[in-house]
PDB file of N, CA and C in Angstrom:
ATOM      1  N   UNK A   1      82.880  60.548 171.213  1.00  0.00           N
ATOM      2  CA  UNK A   1      82.971  59.244 170.599  1.00  0.00           C
ATOM      3  C   UNK A   1      81.725  58.445 170.965  1.00  0.00           C
ATOM      4  N   UNK A   2      81.470  57.404 170.220  1.00  0.00           N
ATOM      5  CA  UNK A   2      80.277  56.603 170.496  1.00  0.00           C
ATOM      6  C   UNK A   2      80.567  55.566 171.578  1.00  0.00           C
ATOM      7  N   UNK A   3      79.659  54.627 171.787  1.00  0.00           N
ATOM      8  CA  UNK A   3      79.778  53.683 172.900  1.00  0.00           C
ATOM      9  C   UNK A   3      80.950  52.711 172.750  1.00  0.00           C
ATOM     10  N   UNK A   4      81.451  52.515 171.548  1.00  0.00           N
ATOM     11  CA  UNK A   4      82.610  51.632 171.379  1.00  0.00           C
ATOM     12  C   UNK A   4      83.869  52.411 171.021  1.00  0.00           C
ATOM     13  N   UNK A   5      83.846  53.716 171.285  1.00  0.00           N
ATOM     14  CA  UNK A   5      85.011  54.597 171.162  1.00  0.00           C
ATOM     15  C   UNK A   5      85.479  54.818 169.731  1.00  0.00           C
ATOM     16  N   UNK A   6      84.594  54.651 168.758  1.00  0.00           N
ATOM     17  CA  UNK A   6      84.933  54.892 167.357  1.00  0.00           C
ATOM     18  C   UNK A   6      83.721  55.431 166.640  1.00  0.00           C
ATOM     19  N   UNK A   7      83.749  56.445 165.880  1.00  0.00           N
ATOM     20  CA  UNK A   7      84.870  57.367 165.709  1.00  0.00           C
ATOM     21  C   UNK A   7      84.884  58.429 166.800  1.00  0.00           C
ATOM     22  N   UNK A   8      85.829  59.294 166.706  1.00  0.00           N
ATOM     23  CA  UNK A   8      85.954  60.420 167.621  1.00  0.00           C
ATOM     24  C   UNK A   8      85.502  61.677 166.870  1.00  0.00           C
ATOM     25  N   UNK A   9      84.637  62.479 167.474  1.00  0.00           N
ATOM     26  CA  UNK A   9      84.136  63.705 166.852  1.00  0.00           C
ATOM     27  C   UNK A   9      84.991  64.889 167.259  1.00  0.00           C
ATOM     28  N   UNK A  10      85.165  65.833 166.342  1.00  0.00           N
ATOM     29  CA  UNK A  10      85.940  67.024 166.649  1.00  0.00           C
ATOM     30  C   UNK A  10      86.026  67.956 165.461  1.00  0.00           C
ATOM     31  N   UNK A  11      87.191  68.531 165.252  1.00  0.00           N
ATOM     32  CA  UNK A  11      87.392  69.476 164.155  1.00  0.00           C
ATOM     33  C   UNK A  11      88.857  69.457 163.726  1.00  0.00           C
ATOM     34  N   UNK A  12      89.097  69.885 162.500  1.00  0.00           N
ATOM     35  CA  UNK A  12      90.436  70.063 161.952  1.00  0.00           C
ATOM     36  C   UNK A  12      90.472  71.423 161.263  1.00  0.00           C
ATOM     37  N   UNK A  13      91.648  71.854 160.861  1.00  0.00           N
ATOM     38  CA  UNK A  13      91.766  73.105 160.102  1.00  0.00           C
ATOM     39  C   UNK A  13      91.834  72.769 158.617  1.00  0.00           C
ATOM     40  N   UNK A  14      91.032  73.491 157.815  1.00  0.00           N
ATOM     41  CA  UNK A  14      91.044  73.271 156.374  1.00  0.00           C
ATOM     42  C   UNK A  14      92.232  73.998 155.746  1.00  0.00           C
ATOM     43  N   UNK A  15      92.332  73.966 154.416  1.00  0.00           N
ATOM     44  CA  UNK A  15      93.457  74.587 153.715  1.00  0.00           C
ATOM     45  C   UNK A  15      93.535  76.096 153.919  1.00  0.00           C
ATOM     46  N   UNK A  16      92.409  76.720 154.268  1.00  0.00           N
ATOM     47  CA  UNK A  16      92.386  78.165 154.521  1.00  0.00           C
ATOM     48  C   UNK A  16      92.613  78.506 155.989  1.00  0.00           C
ATOM     49  N   UNK A  17      92.823  77.497 156.837  1.00  0.00           N
ATOM     50  CA  UNK A  17      93.045  77.724 158.257  1.00  0.00           C
ATOM     51  C   UNK A  17      91.781  77.827 159.082  1.00  0.00           C
ATOM     52  N   UNK A  18      90.614  77.555 158.476  1.00  0.00           N
ATOM     53  CA  UNK A  18      89.348  77.597 159.200  1.00  0.00           C
ATOM     54  C   UNK A  18      89.077  76.261 159.886  1.00  0.00           C
ATOM     55  N   UNK A  19      88.455  76.314 161.056  1.00  0.00           N
ATOM     56  CA  UNK A  19      88.079  75.104 161.774  1.00  0.00           C
ATOM     57  C   UNK A  19      86.830  74.500 161.131  1.00  0.00           C
ATOM     58  N   UNK A  20      86.907  73.202 160.789  1.00  0.00           N
ATOM     59  CA  UNK A  20      85.775  72.493 160.197  1.00  0.00           C
ATOM     60  C   UNK A  20      85.579  71.159 160.909  1.00  0.00           C
ATOM     61  N   UNK A  21      84.324  70.730 160.983  1.00  0.00           N
ATOM     62  CA  UNK A  21      83.970  69.482 161.657  1.00  0.00           C
ATOM     63  C   UNK A  21      84.631  68.283 160.980  1.00  0.00           C
ATOM     64  N   UNK A  22      84.969  67.288 161.798  1.00  0.00           N
ATOM     65  CA  UNK A  22      85.575  66.071 161.287  1.00  0.00           C
ATOM     66  C   UNK A  22      85.332  64.936 162.272  1.00  0.00           C
ATOM     67  N   UNK A  23      85.396  63.715 161.765  1.00  0.00           N
ATOM     68  CA  UNK A  23      85.400  62.540 162.620  1.00  0.00           C
ATOM     69  C   UNK A  23      86.614  61.704 162.248  1.00  0.00           C
ATOM     70  N   UNK A  24      87.157  60.975 163.216  1.00  0.00           N
ATOM     71  CA  UNK A  24      88.350  60.183 162.974  1.00  0.00           C
ATOM     72  C   UNK A  24      88.207  58.815 163.612  1.00  0.00           C
ATOM     73  N   UNK A  25      88.694  57.811 162.914  1.00  0.00           N
ATOM     74  CA  UNK A  25      88.731  56.431 163.410  1.00  0.00           C
ATOM     75  C   UNK A  25      90.178  56.085 163.704  1.00  0.00           C
ATOM     76  N   UNK A  26      90.480  55.698 164.923  1.00  0.00           N
ATOM     77  CA  UNK A  26      91.862  55.378 165.253  1.00  0.00           C
ATOM     78  C   UNK A  26      92.303  54.045 164.664  1.00  0.00           C
ATOM     79  N   UNK A  27      91.354  53.201 164.274  1.00  0.00           N
ATOM     80  CA  UNK A  27      91.712  51.898 163.715  1.00  0.00           C
ATOM     81  C   UNK A  27      91.484  51.838 162.206  1.00  0.00           C
ATOM     82  N   UNK A  28      91.342  52.994 161.556  1.00  0.00           N
ATOM     83  CA  UNK A  28      91.091  53.044 160.111  1.00  0.00           C
ATOM     84  C   UNK A  28      92.376  52.776 159.337  1.00  0.00           C
ATOM     85  N   UNK A  29      92.269  52.120 158.175  1.00  0.00           N
ATOM     86  CA  UNK A  29      93.458  51.885 157.364  1.00  0.00           C
ATOM     87  C   UNK A  29      94.018  53.172 156.755  1.00  0.00           C
ATOM     88  N   UNK A  30      93.199  54.205 156.652  1.00  0.00           N
ATOM     89  CA  UNK A  30      93.650  55.492 156.127  1.00  0.00           C
ATOM     90  C   UNK A  30      93.910  56.418 157.311  1.00  0.00           C
ATOM     91  N   UNK A  31      95.080  57.002 157.341  1.00  0.00           N
ATOM     92  CA  UNK A  31      95.444  57.891 158.437  1.00  0.00           C
ATOM     93  C   UNK A  31      94.810  59.261 158.201  1.00  0.00           C
ATOM     94  N   UNK A  32      94.277  59.842 159.254  1.00  0.00           N
ATOM     95  CA  UNK A  32      93.707  61.174 159.174  1.00  0.00           C
ATOM     96  C   UNK A  32      92.202  61.151 159.327  1.00  0.00           C
ATOM     97  N   UNK A  33      91.638  62.281 159.648  1.00  0.00           N
ATOM     98  CA  UNK A  33      90.195  62.361 159.888  1.00  0.00           C
ATOM     99  C   UNK A  33      89.389  62.426 158.593  1.00  0.00           C
ATOM    100  N   UNK A  34      88.119  62.089 158.711  1.00  0.00           N
ATOM    101  CA  UNK A  34      87.175  62.303 157.610  1.00  0.00           C
ATOM    102  C   UNK A  34      86.561  63.672 157.855  1.00  0.00           C
ATOM    103  N   UNK A  35      86.827  64.597 156.969  1.00  0.00           N
ATOM    104  CA  UNK A  35      86.363  65.972 157.138  1.00  0.00           C
ATOM    105  C   UNK A  35      84.893  66.059 156.752  1.00  0.00           C
ATOM    106  N   UNK A  36      84.068  66.520 157.690  1.00  0.00           N
ATOM    107  CA  UNK A  36      82.653  66.756 157.424  1.00  0.00           C
ATOM    108  C   UNK A  36      82.501  68.073 156.682  1.00  0.00           C
ATOM    109  N   UNK A  37      83.271  69.062 157.085  1.00  0.00           N
ATOM    110  CA  UNK A  37      83.261  70.342 156.411  1.00  0.00           C
ATOM    111  C   UNK A  37      82.269  71.320 156.985  1.00  0.00           C
ATOM    112  N   UNK A  38      82.094  72.447 156.298  1.00  0.00           N
ATOM    113  CA  UNK A  38      81.176  73.477 156.773  1.00  0.00           C
ATOM    114  C   UNK A  38      79.732  73.122 156.456  1.00  0.00           C
ATOM    115  N   UNK A  39      78.818  73.808 157.107  1.00  0.00           N
ATOM    116  CA  UNK A  39      77.403  73.665 156.799  1.00  0.00           C
ATOM    117  C   UNK A  39      77.154  74.266 155.414  1.00  0.00           C
ATOM    118  N   UNK A  40      76.429  73.584 154.531  1.00  0.00           N
ATOM    119  CA  UNK A  40      76.172  74.131 153.194  1.00  0.00           C
ATOM    120  C   UNK A  40      75.492  75.498 153.268  1.00  0.00           C
ATOM    121  N   UNK A  41      76.114  76.487 152.654  1.00  0.00           N
ATOM    122  CA  UNK A  41      75.577  77.845 152.685  1.00  0.00           C
ATOM    123  C   UNK A  41      75.988  78.632 153.907  1.00  0.00           C
ATOM    124  N   UNK A  42      76.633  77.962 154.858  1.00  0.00           N
ATOM    125  CA  UNK A  42      77.052  78.640 156.075  1.00  0.00           C
ATOM    126  C   UNK A  42      78.223  79.566 155.829  1.00  0.00           C
ATOM    127  N   UNK A  43      78.545  80.367 156.834  1.00  0.00           N
ATOM    128  CA  UNK A  43      79.633  81.328 156.706  1.00  0.00           C
ATOM    129  C   UNK A  43      80.714  81.075 157.741  1.00  0.00           C
ATOM    130  N   UNK A  44      81.883  81.618 157.471  1.00  0.00           N
ATOM    131  CA  UNK A  44      83.006  81.566 158.399  1.00  0.00           C
ATOM    132  C   UNK A  44      82.845  82.709 159.387  1.00  0.00           C
ATOM    133  N   UNK A  45      83.095  82.445 160.655  1.00  0.00           N
ATOM    134  CA  UNK A  45      83.028  83.466 161.687  1.00  0.00           C
ATOM    135  C   UNK A  45      84.252  83.326 162.580  1.00  0.00           C
ATOM    136  N   UNK A  46      85.163  84.287 162.488  1.00  0.00           N
ATOM    137  CA  UNK A  46      86.407  84.277 163.263  1.00  0.00           C
ATOM    138  C   UNK A  46      87.186  82.978 163.098  1.00  0.00           C
ATOM    139  N   UNK A  47      87.277  82.487 161.864  1.00  0.00           N
ATOM    140  CA  UNK A  47      88.041  81.275 161.587  1.00  0.00           C
ATOM    141  C   UNK A  47      87.313  79.994 161.924  1.00  0.00           C
ATOM    142  N   UNK A  48      86.037  80.062 162.248  1.00  0.00           N
ATOM    143  CA  UNK A  48      85.247  78.884 162.613  1.00  0.00           C
ATOM    144  C   UNK A  48      84.168  78.653 161.563  1.00  0.00           C
ATOM    145  N   UNK A  49      84.105  77.438 161.033  1.00  0.00           N
ATOM    146  CA  UNK A  49      83.041  77.052 160.113  1.00  0.00           C
ATOM    147  C   UNK A  49      82.110  76.025 160.743  1.00  0.00           C
ATOM    148  N   UNK A  50      82.680  75.027 161.431  1.00  0.00           N
ATOM    149  CA  UNK A  50      81.858  74.000 162.075  1.00  0.00           C
ATOM    150  C   UNK A  50      82.720  73.158 162.995  1.00  0.00           C
ATOM    151  N   UNK A  51      82.060  72.445 163.895  1.00  0.00           N
ATOM    152  CA  UNK A  51      82.741  71.498 164.770  1.00  0.00           C
ATOM    153  C   UNK A  51      81.763  70.399 165.143  1.00  0.00           C
ATOM    154  N   UNK A  52      82.239  69.164 165.162  1.00  0.00           N
ATOM    155  CA  UNK A  52      81.411  68.035 165.578  1.00  0.00           C
ATOM    156  C   UNK A  52      81.589  67.835 167.076  1.00  0.00           C
ATOM    157  N   UNK A  53      80.485  67.605 167.782  1.00  0.00           N
ATOM    158  CA  UNK A  53      80.535  67.442 169.235  1.00  0.00           C
ATOM    159  C   UNK A  53      80.160  66.054 169.711  1.00  0.00           C
ATOM    160  N   UNK A  54      79.537  65.266 168.854  1.00  0.00           N
ATOM    161  CA  UNK A  54      79.155  63.919 169.256  1.00  0.00           C
ATOM    162  C   UNK A  54      78.925  63.050 168.048  1.00  0.00           C
ATOM    163  N   UNK A  55      79.014  61.743 168.272  1.00  0.00           N
ATOM    164  CA  UNK A  55      78.782  60.786 167.191  1.00  0.00           C
ATOM    165  C   UNK A  55      78.118  59.555 167.781  1.00  0.00           C
ATOM    166  N   UNK A  56      77.144  59.005 167.079  1.00  0.00           N
ATOM    167  CA  UNK A  56      76.402  57.847 167.572  1.00  0.00           C
ATOM    168  C   UNK A  56      77.010  56.548 167.046  1.00  0.00           C
ATOM    169  N   UNK A  57      76.481  55.433 167.510  1.00  0.00           N
ATOM    170  CA  UNK A  57      76.985  54.131 167.085  1.00  0.00           C
ATOM    171  C   UNK A  57      76.870  53.910 165.580  1.00  0.00           C
ATOM    172  N   UNK A  58      75.890  54.546 164.931  1.00  0.00           N
ATOM    173  CA  UNK A  58      75.739  54.360 163.485  1.00  0.00           C
ATOM    174  C   UNK A  58      76.554  55.362 162.669  1.00  0.00           C
ATOM    175  N   UNK A  59      77.387  56.180 163.302  1.00  0.00           N
ATOM    176  CA  UNK A  59      78.246  57.121 162.599  1.00  0.00           C
ATOM    177  C   UNK A  59      77.622  58.474 162.329  1.00  0.00           C
ATOM    178  N   UNK A  60      76.429  58.737 162.856  1.00  0.00           N
ATOM    179  CA  UNK A  60      75.801  60.046 162.703  1.00  0.00           C
ATOM    180  C   UNK A  60      76.486  61.040 163.631  1.00  0.00           C
ATOM    181  N   UNK A  61      76.958  62.131 163.058  1.00  0.00           N
ATOM    182  CA  UNK A  61      77.627  63.163 163.851  1.00  0.00           C
ATOM    183  C   UNK A  61      76.701  64.363 164.032  1.00  0.00           C
ATOM    184  N   UNK A  62      76.825  65.038 165.170  1.00  0.00           N
ATOM    185  CA  UNK A  62      76.087  66.275 165.436  1.00  0.00           C
ATOM    186  C   UNK A  62      77.094  67.334 165.848  1.00  0.00           C
ATOM    187  N   UNK A  63      76.745  68.582 165.575  1.00  0.00           N
ATOM    188  CA  UNK A  63      77.673  69.638 165.933  1.00  0.00           C
ATOM    189  C   UNK A  63      77.097  71.018 165.759  1.00  0.00           C
ATOM    190  N   UNK A  64      77.992  72.004 165.694  1.00  0.00           N
ATOM    191  CA  UNK A  64      77.635  73.414 165.617  1.00  0.00           C
ATOM    192  C   UNK A  64      78.239  74.019 164.363  1.00  0.00           C
ATOM    193  N   UNK A  65      77.463  74.901 163.715  1.00  0.00           N
ATOM    194  CA  UNK A  65      77.925  75.672 162.566  1.00  0.00           C
ATOM    195  C   UNK A  65      77.190  77.005 162.584  1.00  0.00           C
ATOM    196  N   UNK A  66      77.489  77.850 161.622  1.00  0.00           N
ATOM    197  CA  UNK A  66      76.775  79.119 161.459  1.00  0.00           C
ATOM    198  C   UNK A  66      76.088  79.111 160.107  1.00  0.00           C
ATOM    199  N   UNK A  67      74.818  79.536 160.079  1.00  0.00           N
ATOM    200  CA  UNK A  67      74.102  79.587 158.807  1.00  0.00           C
ATOM    201  C   UNK A  67      74.501  80.834 158.024  1.00  0.00           C
ATOM    202  N   UNK A  68      73.846  81.074 156.894  1.00  0.00           N
ATOM    203  CA  UNK A  68      74.194  82.192 156.016  1.00  0.00           C
ATOM    204  C   UNK A  68      73.947  83.566 156.626  1.00  0.00           C
ATOM    205  N   UNK A  69      73.214  83.634 157.747  1.00  0.00           N
ATOM    206  CA  UNK A  69      72.968  84.909 158.427  1.00  0.00           C
ATOM    207  C   UNK A  69      73.787  85.041 159.710  1.00  0.00           C
ATOM    208  N   UNK A  70      74.771  84.169 159.896  1.00  0.00           N
ATOM    209  CA  UNK A  70      75.677  84.165 161.051  1.00  0.00           C
ATOM    210  C   UNK A  70      74.997  83.730 162.347  1.00  0.00           C
ATOM    211  N   UNK A  71      73.865  83.046 162.244  1.00  0.00           N
ATOM    212  CA  UNK A  71      73.220  82.493 163.434  1.00  0.00           C
ATOM    213  C   UNK A  71      73.781  81.098 163.702  1.00  0.00           C
ATOM    214  N   UNK A  72      74.092  80.781 164.965  1.00  0.00           N
ATOM    215  CA  UNK A  72      74.568  79.436 165.277  1.00  0.00           C
ATOM    216  C   UNK A  72      73.437  78.429 165.099  1.00  0.00           C
ATOM    217  N   UNK A  73      73.770  77.292 164.522  1.00  0.00           N
ATOM    218  CA  UNK A  73      72.785  76.230 164.305  1.00  0.00           C
ATOM    219  C   UNK A  73      73.393  74.879 164.649  1.00  0.00           C
ATOM    220  N   UNK A  74      72.544  73.971 165.048  1.00  0.00           N
ATOM    221  CA  UNK A  74      72.958  72.581 165.229  1.00  0.00           C
ATOM    222  C   UNK A  74      72.859  71.895 163.879  1.00  0.00           C
ATOM    223  N   UNK A  75      73.744  70.925 163.641  1.00  0.00           N
ATOM    224  CA  UNK A  75      73.629  70.141 162.423  1.00  0.00           C
ATOM    225  C   UNK A  75      73.753  68.660 162.734  1.00  0.00           C
ATOM    226  N   UNK A  76      73.217  67.858 161.828  1.00  0.00           N
ATOM    227  CA  UNK A  76      73.352  66.398 161.885  1.00  0.00           C
ATOM    228  C   UNK A  76      73.952  65.966 160.562  1.00  0.00           C
ATOM    229  N   UNK A  77      74.946  65.082 160.606  1.00  0.00           N
ATOM    230  CA  UNK A  77      75.634  64.635 159.407  1.00  0.00           C
ATOM    231  C   UNK A  77      75.703  63.121 159.393  1.00  0.00           C
ATOM    232  N   UNK A  78      75.436  62.545 158.246  1.00  0.00           N
ATOM    233  CA  UNK A  78      75.712  61.129 157.999  1.00  0.00           C
ATOM    234  C   UNK A  78      76.402  61.035 156.657  1.00  0.00           C
ATOM    235  N   UNK A  79      77.131  59.977 156.436  1.00  0.00           N
ATOM    236  CA  UNK A  79      77.802  59.801 155.156  1.00  0.00           C
ATOM    237  C   UNK A  79      76.793  59.736 154.018  1.00  0.00           C
ATOM    238  N   UNK A  80      75.602  59.190 154.282  1.00  0.00           N
ATOM    239  CA  UNK A  80      74.594  59.032 153.237  1.00  0.00           C
ATOM    240  C   UNK A  80      73.866  60.328 152.900  1.00  0.00           C
ATOM    241  N   UNK A  81      73.617  61.184 153.885  1.00  0.00           N
ATOM    242  CA  UNK A  81      72.804  62.379 153.635  1.00  0.00           C
ATOM    243  C   UNK A  81      73.576  63.678 153.674  1.00  0.00           C
ATOM    244  N   UNK A  82      74.834  63.641 154.027  1.00  0.00           N
ATOM    245  CA  UNK A  82      75.662  64.851 154.190  1.00  0.00           C
ATOM    246  C   UNK A  82      75.106  65.717 155.300  1.00  0.00           C
ATOM    247  N   UNK A  83      75.432  66.979 155.308  1.00  0.00           N
ATOM    248  CA  UNK A  83      75.087  67.857 156.420  1.00  0.00           C
ATOM    249  C   UNK A  83      73.630  68.310 156.354  1.00  0.00           C
ATOM    250  N   UNK A  84      72.939  68.237 157.464  1.00  0.00           N
ATOM    251  CA  UNK A  84      71.526  68.652 157.565  1.00  0.00           C
ATOM    252  C   UNK A  84      71.349  69.512 158.802  1.00  0.00           C
ATOM    253  N   UNK A  85      70.534  70.531 158.722  1.00  0.00           N
ATOM    254  CA  UNK A  85      70.233  71.363 159.883  1.00  0.00           C
ATOM    255  C   UNK A  85      69.242  70.653 160.789  1.00  0.00           C
ATOM    256  N   UNK A  86      69.369  70.878 162.052  1.00  0.00           N
ATOM    257  CA  UNK A  86      68.450  70.295 163.044  1.00  0.00           C
ATOM    258  C   UNK A  86      67.623  71.411 163.652  1.00  0.00           C
ATOM    259  N   UNK A  87      67.073  72.252 162.846  1.00  0.00           N
ATOM    260  CA  UNK A  87      66.312  73.392 163.377  1.00  0.00           C
ATOM    261  C   UNK A  87      64.931  72.979 163.781  1.00  0.00           C
TER     262      UNK A  87
END
């Protein structure tokens, strides 16, 4: 979570049962997390697509995913730019 404890970074399971990155606001009017989803072009590996590990005060999330060749990569996500690799 960021310095004011909102949002919280983590992961949820998608409709296929795969773990995908998400952020959640405990004081949001809509219940449930905002799903960031998998890295574009990335692959599923043992039920894992992505997970968010941190979020900054401006809502930028960072996390782990696998690219199209099954290599682990860091990603950065914002609502404005969607998922981006931090290679």
